Protein backbone atom coordinates (compact mmCIF):
# COMPACT_ATOMS: atom_id res chain seq x y z
CA MET A 1 -69.25 12.53 37.60
CA CYS A 2 -66.48 13.47 40.11
CA GLY A 3 -63.20 11.84 39.65
CA ILE A 4 -63.07 10.28 43.04
CA ALA A 5 -66.38 8.43 42.51
CA TRP A 6 -65.35 7.06 39.09
CA GLN A 7 -61.94 5.87 40.66
CA LEU A 8 -63.94 4.01 43.37
CA MET A 9 -65.90 2.37 40.73
CA ALA A 10 -63.06 1.28 38.88
CA ALA A 11 -61.31 -0.04 41.80
CA SER A 12 -64.22 -2.03 43.07
CA ALA A 13 -65.78 -3.42 39.63
CA ALA A 14 -64.22 -5.54 36.94
CA PRO A 15 -64.39 -3.54 33.64
CA ARG A 16 -66.17 -6.47 31.93
CA SER A 17 -68.55 -7.54 34.61
CA VAL A 18 -72.38 -7.45 34.35
CA LEU A 19 -75.17 -8.27 36.86
CA ILE A 20 -78.38 -9.39 35.06
CA ILE A 21 -81.57 -9.05 36.90
CA GLY A 22 -84.86 -10.52 35.76
CA SER A 23 -87.74 -12.61 37.14
CA GLU A 24 -87.06 -15.91 35.55
CA ALA A 25 -84.47 -17.98 33.70
CA VAL A 26 -83.90 -21.41 32.41
CA PRO A 27 -83.24 -23.95 34.09
CA PHE A 28 -84.75 -22.58 37.18
CA ALA A 29 -88.09 -21.05 36.32
CA LYS A 30 -90.00 -20.42 33.09
CA THR A 31 -93.31 -18.99 31.91
CA GLY A 32 -92.13 -17.61 28.57
CA GLY A 33 -89.46 -16.39 26.35
CA LEU A 34 -87.76 -14.18 29.02
CA ALA A 35 -86.58 -17.23 30.83
CA ASP A 36 -84.93 -18.57 27.49
CA VAL A 37 -83.12 -15.32 26.99
CA LEU A 38 -81.79 -15.10 30.67
CA GLY A 39 -80.71 -18.85 30.38
CA ALA A 40 -78.70 -18.45 27.03
CA LEU A 41 -77.41 -14.89 27.01
CA PRO A 42 -75.03 -15.27 29.93
CA GLY A 43 -73.07 -18.20 28.33
CA ALA A 44 -72.69 -16.31 25.22
CA LEU A 45 -71.37 -13.34 26.99
CA THR A 46 -69.02 -15.38 28.94
CA ARG A 47 -67.55 -16.65 25.72
CA LEU A 48 -66.75 -13.10 24.81
CA GLY A 49 -64.76 -12.73 28.02
CA TRP A 50 -67.36 -11.20 30.41
CA ASP A 51 -67.90 -12.03 34.12
CA VAL A 52 -71.65 -12.68 34.25
CA THR A 53 -74.02 -13.29 37.16
CA VAL A 54 -77.89 -13.61 36.68
CA ALA A 55 -80.11 -12.81 39.65
CA ILE A 56 -83.67 -14.11 39.95
CA PRO A 57 -86.08 -15.22 42.89
CA ARG A 58 -85.70 -18.71 44.20
CA TYR A 59 -89.25 -19.89 43.70
CA ARG A 60 -90.98 -22.63 45.02
CA GLY A 61 -89.45 -25.97 43.82
CA VAL A 62 -86.15 -24.52 43.06
CA SER A 63 -83.43 -26.71 44.94
CA ALA A 64 -80.29 -25.66 43.02
CA GLY A 65 -77.41 -23.70 44.50
CA SER A 66 -75.39 -23.43 47.77
CA LEU A 67 -76.19 -20.86 50.31
CA ILE A 68 -73.55 -18.28 50.19
CA ASP A 69 -74.93 -15.26 52.11
CA THR A 70 -77.81 -14.38 54.64
CA TRP A 71 -78.56 -10.72 55.69
CA PRO A 72 -81.64 -8.40 56.34
CA VAL A 73 -82.96 -6.65 53.41
CA THR A 74 -85.39 -3.73 53.81
CA VAL A 75 -87.94 -2.54 51.51
CA GLY A 76 -89.82 0.27 53.10
CA ALA A 77 -91.10 -0.89 56.47
CA PHE A 78 -90.69 -4.60 55.25
CA THR A 79 -87.50 -6.28 56.51
CA ARG A 80 -86.74 -9.82 56.21
CA ASP A 81 -83.59 -12.05 56.36
CA VAL A 82 -82.84 -12.94 52.89
CA GLY A 83 -80.84 -16.04 51.61
CA LEU A 84 -78.68 -15.89 48.55
CA PHE A 85 -77.93 -19.06 46.87
CA GLU A 86 -75.35 -19.43 44.05
CA ALA A 87 -75.45 -22.01 41.28
CA PRO A 88 -73.06 -22.33 38.28
CA LEU A 89 -74.42 -21.73 34.65
CA ALA A 90 -73.07 -23.33 31.54
CA GLY A 91 -69.97 -21.52 30.24
CA GLY A 92 -68.83 -20.12 33.57
CA ALA A 93 -71.53 -17.62 34.46
CA ARG A 94 -73.37 -17.98 37.81
CA ALA A 95 -76.78 -17.59 39.01
CA TRP A 96 -77.75 -15.79 42.30
CA LEU A 97 -81.09 -17.10 43.58
CA VAL A 98 -82.54 -14.75 45.97
CA ASP A 99 -84.60 -16.64 48.82
CA CYS A 100 -87.27 -15.02 50.72
CA PRO A 101 -90.01 -17.77 51.19
CA GLU A 102 -92.52 -15.26 52.35
CA LEU A 103 -92.53 -13.51 49.02
CA PHE A 104 -91.41 -16.26 46.40
CA ASP A 105 -92.51 -19.54 47.73
CA ARG A 106 -96.00 -19.40 45.87
CA ASP A 107 -98.07 -21.51 43.58
CA THR A 108 -97.12 -19.36 40.53
CA LEU A 109 -94.44 -16.78 39.64
CA TYR A 110 -96.56 -13.65 39.36
CA GLY A 111 -100.14 -14.34 40.39
CA PRO A 112 -103.03 -16.51 39.93
CA ASN A 113 -105.07 -16.61 36.66
CA GLY A 114 -102.95 -14.09 34.94
CA LEU A 115 -103.41 -11.46 37.58
CA ASP A 116 -100.70 -9.86 39.81
CA TYR A 117 -100.05 -10.91 43.42
CA PRO A 118 -101.15 -7.54 45.33
CA ASP A 119 -97.54 -7.43 46.78
CA ASN A 120 -95.67 -7.79 43.47
CA PRO A 121 -94.13 -4.33 43.94
CA ARG A 122 -92.45 -5.42 47.11
CA ARG A 123 -91.67 -8.83 45.76
CA PHE A 124 -89.59 -7.56 42.74
CA ALA A 125 -88.15 -4.54 44.66
CA LEU A 126 -86.65 -6.91 47.07
CA LEU A 127 -85.28 -9.00 44.20
CA VAL A 128 -83.42 -5.94 43.05
CA ARG A 129 -82.26 -4.64 46.29
CA ALA A 130 -81.04 -8.22 47.34
CA ALA A 131 -79.08 -8.38 44.15
CA LEU A 132 -77.51 -5.08 44.20
CA GLU A 133 -76.76 -5.20 48.01
CA HIS A 134 -75.18 -8.67 47.85
CA ALA A 135 -72.73 -7.50 45.06
CA ALA A 136 -71.66 -4.62 47.22
CA ARG A 137 -71.32 -6.89 50.34
CA VAL A 138 -68.92 -9.22 48.66
CA ASP A 139 -67.05 -6.52 46.75
CA ARG A 140 -68.28 -7.71 43.33
CA ALA A 141 -69.99 -4.64 42.21
CA PRO A 142 -70.61 -5.02 38.54
CA ALA A 143 -69.41 -2.46 35.85
CA LEU A 144 -72.90 -2.66 34.59
CA VAL A 145 -76.45 -3.94 35.57
CA HIS A 146 -78.70 -5.18 32.85
CA ALA A 147 -82.36 -5.34 34.09
CA HIS A 148 -85.07 -7.14 32.17
CA ASP A 149 -88.89 -6.16 31.95
CA TRP A 150 -90.82 -4.40 34.59
CA GLN A 151 -90.18 -7.01 37.38
CA ALA A 152 -86.50 -5.70 37.35
CA ALA A 153 -87.27 -2.15 36.14
CA LEU A 154 -86.35 -0.68 39.63
CA ALA A 155 -82.80 -1.45 39.33
CA PRO A 156 -82.01 1.71 37.20
CA VAL A 157 -84.35 3.77 39.31
CA TYR A 158 -82.64 2.71 42.53
CA LEU A 159 -79.19 3.23 41.01
CA LYS A 160 -80.25 6.82 40.32
CA THR A 161 -81.81 7.35 43.61
CA LEU A 162 -81.36 5.11 46.62
CA TYR A 163 -77.83 4.08 45.64
CA GLN A 164 -76.73 7.21 43.89
CA SER A 165 -74.12 8.10 46.59
CA HIS A 166 -73.18 4.47 47.32
CA PRO A 167 -69.48 4.08 47.45
CA MET A 168 -69.55 0.90 45.23
CA LEU A 169 -72.95 1.08 43.40
CA GLY A 170 -73.11 4.92 42.70
CA SER A 171 -71.20 4.72 39.38
CA THR A 172 -72.78 1.64 38.14
CA ALA A 173 -74.40 2.01 34.64
CA SER A 174 -77.54 0.25 33.63
CA VAL A 175 -79.23 -1.15 30.43
CA PHE A 176 -82.84 -2.05 30.52
CA THR A 177 -84.45 -4.44 28.19
CA ILE A 178 -88.21 -4.31 27.18
CA HIS A 179 -89.30 -7.93 26.08
CA ASN A 180 -92.93 -6.90 25.79
CA LEU A 181 -94.21 -3.36 26.14
CA ALA A 182 -97.88 -4.60 26.93
CA TYR A 183 -96.56 -5.33 30.55
CA GLN A 184 -95.71 -2.18 32.13
CA GLY A 185 -95.62 -2.68 36.06
CA LEU A 186 -98.57 -0.42 36.82
CA PHE A 187 -99.37 0.15 40.54
CA ASP A 188 -100.92 2.62 42.82
CA ALA A 189 -98.96 5.49 43.71
CA ASP A 190 -99.07 4.76 47.46
CA TRP A 191 -96.39 2.21 46.80
CA LEU A 192 -93.79 4.81 46.49
CA PRO A 193 -92.98 5.29 50.15
CA ARG A 194 -93.24 1.53 50.63
CA LEU A 195 -90.51 1.16 47.87
CA ASP A 196 -88.19 3.84 49.53
CA LEU A 197 -88.86 6.16 46.74
CA GLY A 198 -89.86 9.95 47.23
CA TRP A 199 -93.05 11.50 46.04
CA ASP A 200 -90.90 13.45 43.49
CA GLN A 201 -91.18 10.18 41.30
CA LEU A 202 -94.99 11.07 40.98
CA SER A 203 -94.35 13.48 38.03
CA LEU A 204 -94.74 13.34 34.38
CA ASP A 205 -91.03 13.15 33.76
CA ARG A 206 -90.59 10.29 36.36
CA MET A 207 -92.72 7.26 37.09
CA GLU A 208 -96.16 8.70 37.08
CA TYR A 209 -98.56 7.18 34.66
CA TRP A 210 -102.31 8.03 34.78
CA GLY A 211 -102.20 8.83 38.44
CA GLY A 212 -100.32 5.71 39.48
CA ILE A 213 -96.77 4.62 38.81
CA SER A 214 -95.15 2.49 36.21
CA PHE A 215 -92.04 0.41 36.93
CA LEU A 216 -91.37 0.33 33.31
CA LYS A 217 -91.54 4.15 32.78
CA GLY A 218 -89.07 4.55 35.67
CA ALA A 219 -86.44 2.27 33.90
CA ILE A 220 -86.93 3.89 30.64
CA ASN A 221 -86.21 7.27 32.17
CA ASP A 222 -83.22 6.24 34.29
CA ALA A 223 -81.38 3.42 32.38
CA GLU A 224 -78.41 4.77 30.38
CA LEU A 225 -79.57 2.66 27.29
CA ILE A 226 -82.82 1.00 26.59
CA THR A 227 -82.88 -2.18 24.33
CA THR A 228 -85.79 -4.30 23.03
CA VAL A 229 -85.79 -7.61 21.32
CA SER A 230 -85.74 -6.90 17.60
CA PRO A 231 -84.88 -3.73 15.42
CA ARG A 232 -88.39 -3.65 13.96
CA TYR A 233 -90.10 -3.78 17.40
CA ALA A 234 -87.89 -0.78 18.59
CA ASP A 235 -89.48 1.33 15.73
CA GLU A 236 -93.12 -0.24 16.36
CA ILE A 237 -93.21 0.65 20.00
CA GLN A 238 -92.50 4.32 19.13
CA THR A 239 -95.83 4.46 17.31
CA PRO A 240 -99.32 4.99 18.86
CA GLU A 241 -100.50 1.75 17.25
CA LEU A 242 -98.07 -0.57 19.31
CA GLY A 243 -96.66 1.86 21.88
CA PHE A 244 -99.35 1.12 24.39
CA GLY A 245 -99.38 4.59 25.66
CA PHE A 246 -95.53 4.78 25.94
CA ASP A 247 -94.77 5.71 22.40
CA GLY A 248 -94.10 9.46 23.55
CA ILE A 249 -91.84 8.41 26.29
CA LEU A 250 -89.91 6.17 23.98
CA ARG A 251 -89.63 8.72 21.31
CA ARG A 252 -87.95 11.05 23.82
CA ARG A 253 -85.26 8.46 24.38
CA ARG A 254 -85.05 7.45 20.78
CA PRO A 255 -81.28 7.98 20.66
CA ASP A 256 -80.74 5.57 23.47
CA LEU A 257 -83.17 2.88 22.16
CA ILE A 258 -81.82 -0.05 20.40
CA GLY A 259 -83.33 -3.08 18.95
CA VAL A 260 -81.35 -6.13 19.32
CA LEU A 261 -82.71 -9.34 18.08
CA ASN A 262 -82.81 -12.22 20.65
CA GLY A 263 -80.92 -15.26 19.70
CA ILE A 264 -81.70 -18.98 20.17
CA ASP A 265 -79.93 -21.72 22.03
CA THR A 266 -78.30 -23.58 19.20
CA THR A 267 -77.19 -26.29 21.18
CA GLU A 268 -80.62 -27.18 22.74
CA TRP A 269 -82.39 -26.44 19.31
CA ASN A 270 -80.28 -28.46 16.79
CA PRO A 271 -81.79 -31.08 14.48
CA GLY A 272 -78.41 -32.65 14.33
CA HIS A 273 -78.53 -33.96 17.80
CA ASP A 274 -82.01 -33.16 19.19
CA ARG A 275 -82.79 -35.91 21.74
CA PHE A 276 -86.54 -35.33 21.25
CA LEU A 277 -86.16 -36.36 17.44
CA PRO A 278 -86.36 -39.97 16.23
CA GLN A 279 -83.50 -39.24 13.83
CA ALA A 280 -81.12 -36.62 13.33
CA TYR A 281 -80.92 -34.48 10.05
CA GLY A 282 -79.24 -31.40 8.72
CA VAL A 283 -79.25 -29.18 6.03
CA ASP A 284 -77.37 -31.50 3.54
CA ASP A 285 -79.60 -34.61 4.44
CA LEU A 286 -83.34 -33.99 5.38
CA ALA A 287 -84.25 -37.62 5.58
CA GLY A 288 -84.77 -37.49 9.45
CA LYS A 289 -87.36 -34.80 8.97
CA GLU A 290 -89.75 -37.45 7.36
CA ALA A 291 -89.20 -39.79 10.40
CA ALA A 292 -90.15 -36.81 12.75
CA LYS A 293 -93.24 -36.16 10.62
CA ALA A 294 -94.28 -39.79 10.92
CA GLU A 295 -93.62 -39.79 14.81
CA LEU A 296 -95.37 -36.50 15.11
CA LEU A 297 -98.68 -37.68 13.31
CA SER A 298 -98.63 -40.75 15.57
CA GLN A 299 -98.11 -38.67 18.68
CA TYR A 300 -101.56 -36.84 17.77
CA GLY A 301 -103.27 -40.11 16.79
CA MET A 302 -103.58 -39.08 13.21
CA ALA A 303 -103.22 -41.11 10.16
CA ARG A 304 -99.62 -41.62 8.84
CA ASP A 305 -100.23 -43.55 5.73
CA ALA A 306 -98.76 -42.45 2.32
CA ALA A 307 -101.43 -39.96 1.65
CA ALA A 308 -100.97 -38.35 5.14
CA MET A 309 -97.23 -38.13 4.78
CA ARG A 310 -97.57 -36.54 1.38
CA ARG A 311 -99.94 -33.95 2.76
CA PRO A 312 -98.17 -30.84 4.14
CA LEU A 313 -98.33 -30.55 8.10
CA VAL A 314 -98.75 -27.23 9.53
CA GLY A 315 -97.47 -26.74 13.25
CA LEU A 316 -98.53 -24.25 15.73
CA ILE A 317 -97.01 -23.70 19.29
CA SER A 318 -98.41 -20.69 21.11
CA ARG A 319 -100.39 -19.23 23.78
CA MET A 320 -103.82 -19.14 22.74
CA ILE A 321 -104.67 -15.45 22.78
CA ASP A 322 -105.53 -12.78 20.45
CA GLN A 323 -102.00 -11.33 20.38
CA LYS A 324 -100.71 -14.63 18.77
CA GLY A 325 -103.54 -14.22 15.98
CA PHE A 326 -105.99 -16.85 17.34
CA ASP A 327 -108.76 -14.37 16.59
CA LEU A 328 -107.76 -14.64 13.00
CA LEU A 329 -107.54 -18.50 13.08
CA ALA A 330 -110.91 -18.65 14.74
CA ALA A 331 -112.46 -16.63 11.59
CA LEU A 332 -110.90 -19.26 9.46
CA ALA A 333 -112.16 -22.26 11.46
CA ASP A 334 -114.41 -23.48 8.65
CA ASP A 335 -111.74 -22.89 6.04
CA LEU A 336 -108.78 -24.72 7.54
CA PRO A 337 -110.23 -28.39 7.52
CA SER A 338 -110.91 -27.86 3.77
CA LEU A 339 -107.21 -27.18 2.88
CA GLU A 340 -105.09 -29.79 1.43
CA ALA A 341 -103.06 -29.74 4.69
CA ALA A 342 -103.06 -31.22 8.28
CA PHE A 343 -102.44 -29.16 11.48
CA VAL A 344 -101.05 -29.83 14.92
CA VAL A 345 -101.50 -27.45 17.64
CA LEU A 346 -99.79 -27.20 21.12
CA GLY A 347 -100.58 -24.48 23.74
CA THR A 348 -102.72 -23.25 26.35
CA GLY A 349 -104.65 -19.80 26.69
CA GLU A 350 -108.23 -18.42 26.59
CA ALA A 351 -110.87 -21.09 27.16
CA ARG A 352 -112.70 -19.99 24.08
CA TYR A 353 -109.57 -20.90 21.85
CA GLN A 354 -108.89 -24.03 23.67
CA ASP A 355 -112.35 -25.24 23.21
CA LEU A 356 -112.33 -24.26 19.47
CA TRP A 357 -109.25 -26.35 18.62
CA THR A 358 -110.50 -29.35 20.82
CA ARG A 359 -113.77 -29.10 18.68
CA LEU A 360 -111.92 -28.99 15.41
CA SER A 361 -109.89 -31.80 16.45
CA ALA A 362 -112.72 -33.90 17.50
CA ALA A 363 -114.53 -33.10 14.09
CA HIS A 364 -111.53 -33.71 11.86
CA PRO A 365 -109.25 -36.23 13.77
CA ASP A 366 -107.12 -37.02 10.60
CA ARG A 367 -106.55 -33.40 9.57
CA ILE A 368 -106.45 -31.55 13.05
CA GLY A 369 -104.67 -32.51 16.12
CA ALA A 370 -104.74 -30.31 19.30
CA ARG A 371 -102.93 -30.73 22.61
CA ILE A 372 -103.99 -28.32 25.38
CA GLY A 373 -100.91 -27.85 27.72
CA PHE A 374 -97.17 -27.72 27.00
CA ASP A 375 -94.73 -30.46 26.56
CA GLU A 376 -91.03 -29.64 25.70
CA GLY A 377 -90.32 -32.80 23.85
CA LEU A 378 -93.43 -32.45 21.79
CA ALA A 379 -92.57 -28.96 20.96
CA HIS A 380 -89.15 -30.08 19.61
CA LEU A 381 -90.86 -32.82 17.67
CA ILE A 382 -93.43 -30.12 16.10
CA GLU A 383 -90.52 -28.14 14.89
CA GLY A 384 -88.85 -31.14 13.46
CA GLY A 385 -91.78 -32.95 11.97
CA ALA A 386 -94.02 -30.15 10.66
CA ASP A 387 -93.35 -28.86 7.17
CA ILE A 388 -94.87 -25.39 7.85
CA PHE A 389 -94.90 -23.31 11.11
CA LEU A 390 -97.67 -20.70 11.63
CA MET A 391 -97.20 -17.43 13.59
CA PRO A 392 -99.94 -14.98 12.49
CA SER A 393 -99.23 -12.46 15.59
CA ARG A 394 -100.96 -9.32 15.92
CA PHE A 395 -97.72 -7.88 17.32
CA GLU A 396 -94.55 -10.09 18.38
CA PRO A 397 -91.66 -8.17 20.10
CA CYS A 398 -89.23 -10.98 18.86
CA GLY A 399 -90.55 -14.52 18.66
CA LEU A 400 -88.26 -17.60 18.90
CA ASN A 401 -90.37 -20.19 17.28
CA GLN A 402 -89.87 -18.76 13.81
CA MET A 403 -86.07 -19.00 14.34
CA TYR A 404 -86.46 -22.57 15.69
CA SER A 405 -88.47 -23.35 12.67
CA LEU A 406 -85.83 -21.83 10.17
CA ARG A 407 -83.08 -23.99 11.86
CA TYR A 408 -85.29 -27.12 11.57
CA GLY A 409 -86.12 -26.75 7.75
CA THR A 410 -89.81 -26.03 8.81
CA VAL A 411 -91.09 -23.00 6.66
CA PRO A 412 -92.54 -20.34 8.71
CA VAL A 413 -95.68 -18.33 7.66
CA VAL A 414 -95.70 -15.13 9.64
CA ARG A 415 -97.05 -11.73 9.79
CA ALA A 416 -94.75 -8.76 9.01
CA VAL A 417 -94.35 -7.48 12.70
CA GLY A 418 -91.54 -7.09 15.11
CA GLY A 419 -89.01 -9.95 15.14
CA LEU A 420 -90.96 -11.95 12.69
CA ALA A 421 -90.46 -9.37 9.98
CA ASP A 422 -86.55 -9.18 10.89
CA THR A 423 -86.15 -12.85 10.65
CA VAL A 424 -88.32 -14.17 7.91
CA ILE A 425 -87.73 -13.09 4.25
CA GLY A 426 -90.89 -13.46 2.16
CA TYR A 427 -91.03 -15.84 -0.81
CA ALA A 428 -91.09 -14.47 -4.18
CA PRO A 429 -89.65 -16.32 -7.40
CA GLU A 430 -87.10 -13.69 -7.73
CA ARG A 431 -85.80 -13.84 -4.16
CA PRO A 432 -83.20 -16.86 -3.80
CA ASP A 433 -82.59 -15.76 -0.20
CA ALA A 434 -86.41 -16.25 0.74
CA THR A 435 -86.99 -18.17 3.85
CA GLY A 436 -90.72 -18.30 4.30
CA PHE A 437 -94.13 -16.46 3.60
CA VAL A 438 -95.01 -13.25 4.99
CA PHE A 439 -98.33 -11.18 5.16
CA GLU A 440 -98.90 -7.67 6.05
CA GLU A 441 -102.67 -7.01 6.80
CA TYR A 442 -103.96 -8.32 10.11
CA THR A 443 -107.05 -9.98 8.47
CA PRO A 444 -108.26 -13.49 8.00
CA PRO A 445 -107.97 -13.20 4.23
CA ALA A 446 -104.42 -12.18 4.23
CA LEU A 447 -103.50 -14.91 6.61
CA LEU A 448 -105.30 -17.45 4.36
CA ASP A 449 -103.61 -16.08 1.31
CA ALA A 450 -100.09 -16.54 2.79
CA LEU A 451 -101.00 -20.03 4.00
CA THR A 452 -102.38 -20.82 0.57
CA ARG A 453 -99.32 -19.76 -1.07
CA ALA A 454 -97.07 -21.79 1.08
CA LEU A 455 -99.20 -25.00 0.45
CA ALA A 456 -99.11 -24.42 -3.34
CA LEU A 457 -95.17 -24.17 -3.29
CA TYR A 458 -95.06 -27.36 -1.16
CA GLY A 459 -96.04 -29.01 -4.35
CA ASP A 460 -92.79 -27.88 -6.00
CA PRO A 461 -90.17 -29.99 -4.14
CA ARG A 462 -87.23 -28.21 -5.77
CA ARG A 463 -88.30 -24.94 -4.78
CA TRP A 464 -89.51 -26.04 -1.36
CA ARG A 465 -86.06 -27.61 -0.52
CA ALA A 466 -84.46 -24.49 -1.56
CA LEU A 467 -86.55 -22.46 0.79
CA GLN A 468 -85.80 -24.90 3.55
CA THR A 469 -81.98 -24.82 3.09
CA SER A 470 -81.94 -21.18 2.86
CA GLY A 471 -83.43 -20.89 6.30
CA MET A 472 -81.34 -23.55 7.82
CA ARG A 473 -78.04 -21.76 6.90
CA LEU A 474 -79.04 -18.61 8.81
CA ASP A 475 -77.23 -17.72 12.16
CA TYR A 476 -79.47 -16.61 14.75
CA SER A 477 -77.39 -17.91 17.61
CA TRP A 478 -76.85 -16.01 20.91
CA ASP A 479 -73.07 -15.40 19.90
CA ARG A 480 -74.29 -12.87 17.29
CA SER A 481 -76.68 -11.11 19.69
CA ALA A 482 -74.17 -11.15 22.57
CA ARG A 483 -71.71 -9.29 20.45
CA GLU A 484 -74.23 -6.49 20.13
CA TYR A 485 -74.91 -6.34 23.73
CA VAL A 486 -71.11 -6.06 24.52
CA THR A 487 -71.07 -2.95 22.18
CA ILE A 488 -74.17 -1.47 24.14
CA TYR A 489 -72.60 -2.31 27.50
CA GLY A 490 -69.54 -0.35 26.20
CA ARG A 491 -71.75 2.73 25.34
CA ALA A 492 -73.53 2.62 28.67
CA THR A 493 -70.47 2.45 30.82
CA ALA A 494 -68.77 5.11 28.73
CA LYS A 495 -71.96 7.39 29.34
CA VAL A 496 -71.45 7.00 33.14
CA ALA A 497 -67.72 7.57 32.99
CA GLY A 498 -68.20 10.77 30.96
CA GLY A 499 -70.92 11.87 33.40
């Protein structure tokens, strides 16, 4: 990099400033764990002295923020006046809400029935362009852009192409985080000119993927560093089994690929002052967990007599899809009611799994409770009131519920993949640091064996309590994760400076 360009960057950007771009963030919009990450990471970074801005679309129903800028943004032949609203975030960070009603005032965030809106490439290209251009318009060019998932993946691409010679953005480093490699931003190649990208991007070493283009591939190629949401998942996505066709692309960037375990919001998820629990509790006094169990059984209309309270209660909060292990659970549908346990399930997903759990609940009302939908308060009550939490995922980039469970003294039973393997230490009599039960093979017998072992240990109160308290003492806060990101940001900006 020429010295003049670097001097311009140094003069226009605070050395510890980051613009985070993504498609959803708590408290504005949420469909999954990405929103939790973009809601919690900014505060943790500000506590470390960083100036943090998060840019997301201003979707239907979002009323937060004050209008601070309006200007025309162009993507290909599409030009619209865009408004930018700014809203404060906890800890001193800020949110930029990009307002273009034609693109973002819609029934759902991404498309109906799990499908993409046909113009999603334009929608999220405009998000990226608006965020970058506003930063330059107000002389707040960041030292670094941190883009998340395919919806923000054009940020590293645009920084290396459209804005490469920009006096304020041309020297901006980028980090790209893959939250789930299964979602790759795949679109027809004829979108390239409509996104102001040249046909040179349609090559094997750029964005081309099976004749079309992949936003994800573009970001993997152009970001200074790539992160994903757990160390184990960083290794897994470089294999044919879990690489979803991108394993070779990622192996090529292996030196620049880092697994950083997501954190959890330890203010929101804290049994010591959880507003959704009937009684607070902590690692030194678990009496409140018993009260939460009684309330949870009551919420599901299940018996809460002495026998029911003695019986281990297994919780499950999940999307009801194969990735989350629901095919394994379906194969065990005849076995689960016969176990000396009760089950409470919360989630939505494929109709066949929703119907299965609804039927099981109707057939075994004192052993199985099912709630189709999502309820934040009930999710907290399940974490507090269940004795065991089940996560039998086929693959799991990070997972948050197992970390919530550990914090709430709810022993997780998980498959040894991704972030589950990185956060749960499998029980063995010789492991005083064990925190849960882990199984390796993706088969119904392996899942049933792990669950049966957990139920057996539940009958030994002393060992069970040791397992609970071991998990409750772990630190999975965002402060830990943010410290790793600060190191990564330093590496990325140094790469650009050393050009």
